[in-house]
Amino acid sequence: MSKEDLDGMRRFIEKRVPELMAQRRVPGLSIAVVEGEEVVYAEGFGVRDVERSLPATPDTLYGIGSCTKSFVALAILQLVERGEISLDDPVSKYIPLKIGIPGKPITVHHLLTHSSGIPSLGTSTIALSRGIRGDVGIPFGSADDFYRHINGAQEEIADEPGRRFFYLNAGYRMLGDIIQRVSEMPFDVYIREKILKPLKMERTTFSKGDFERDPDRMTPYIKDKEGRLIPKSFPYPDVKSNPEFSFIAAAGGMLSSVRELTNYLRMNIDGGRFGNVELLSPELMEEMQRIHIERPPGLYGRNGYGYGWGVIENFLGHKLVSHGGSILVSTAYLAFVPEERMGVAMASNIAGFPYAPIAQGIFAALMGKDPEEVVPLLRIWRRMDLLTGTYEIYRGLSRVKVVKHGGLLYLERGGWFSEMRVPLIPEREDMENYEFYIYSEGVKQPVEFVVESPEKIDLYIERNRYHKVKA
């Protein structure tokens, strides 16, 4: 990696991250980048606490949400390596799971890969609502409550194990319980002793109390309907107050800093080894980082889920391993390119930041490429921004707006004659041309933008030719 590549990465981060934070009203964000044995970038942006104007730093503790799942998968594979469990074991061997298809047991492998055949059962909605919006009324205070909820869902099973990907938070909570029962120690204690301590992640925790005593911690935020920031507390209960149910945190209850997470990334990049300590064999680490169940093809083609990690098979010629996490009031993202020995950790004290394309842009820059040209979503955003604005026909007798919302462009028309708000569906997923369509009453109607320059754009819809008059 050259100095020019590092400078390009820094320019990309320090241009794009503040822009996106401003657009999406993100109060605070931290980011760290590791290459080989070295942390080559570590910065905080914005504030970790709005009311006190405390800056975000690389050491700020955030809730990392579902990034926790790869720690759970690592713990399970440690038990596999020691011969205490098998990936092919039915999970009912260890925990009181009573639902399923006769003759087709749900195995440890199925829970690790979200391929149990069970769709979401809303366990995170129950757990997080209690800490953010209020209790939803479903009993959820113990392991017995948890399994009563799960075992009541026999009719929800949608397929036999191994056939379909259903992201299942409850599945990782069950894996956390397996860790707890097999190791004979609370889930969070096992993770601390067998993973965090060897990685020297001394401040990383599942304890709400430890988090609240830490001087460099986030204040979590949620937005109300008017977009105002509302401070909240960390929504998970303190695992120390209910050790028997500490596995509730296995789906997303870890708190960490991006600086400490670089140690975790280094271990994953280096095949399970951190310094002189081997946390997992290279062979089992490779099993974690390969596709076990496919998901629909994305902008980079084939992708799927391993053990606790999402996997893109061909990102700029390399495998990209990543996972995001959200607990509504805090979000995070971990990603690494094993072959290039580079990784990135990001976290924020609110939902809504688009981590994946920023991580991909960082990797592209470190590979000596222009992120804005080689990362598809960055090109898509640029084209979407170019097309948004106000358009008028001859002498302004009709006016429409093109707006961006939720990853799509929308066509809006108001006024006394008629009102309309419809999505503009691109003819090509990568949006490499300016051809779209709207869908009305079963009929596709073409929509075409003709771009001569950023200042001269025409929009053709049915009989109308609109001219862009305002960005």
Foldseek 3Di string as FASTA:
>chain_A
DDPQLLVLLVVLCVVPVVVLCVVFVFQKKWKWKDFAPDTSDTAIDHALDPVVRHTAGLFAKFFAAQLLQVLLLLLVQLCVVVVLDPQADQLVVQDVADAADPPQGQGNQLLLFQQQQAAELCLLVQQLCCFPPRHPPQDDDAPVSLNVSRNVCNVRRHDGGPPDHHDYLSSQLSSLLSSCRSVVFQSQVCSCPQPCVVLVQVQKGLALVSQVPDPRYGFFWAADPVRDTDTGGQRHHGCVVPRNSSSSCSRTRMMGGQVSVVSVLLCLLVQQDRVPDRSHHSVVSVQQADASDWDPQDPQGTWGGGRSWTWRPQLPHFIKIKDKRDSQRKIKIKIDGSVRRMIMIMMGRHDDRDPVLSRSCSVCSSVVHHSCPRRLVNVVVVVLVLPFAKWAFPPRPFIWTWDDDPRWIWIWGDDDPDTDIFTWAAPDPSPPAQWTWTADPRDTWIKGWDDPDSQWIWIDGDPTIITGDTD
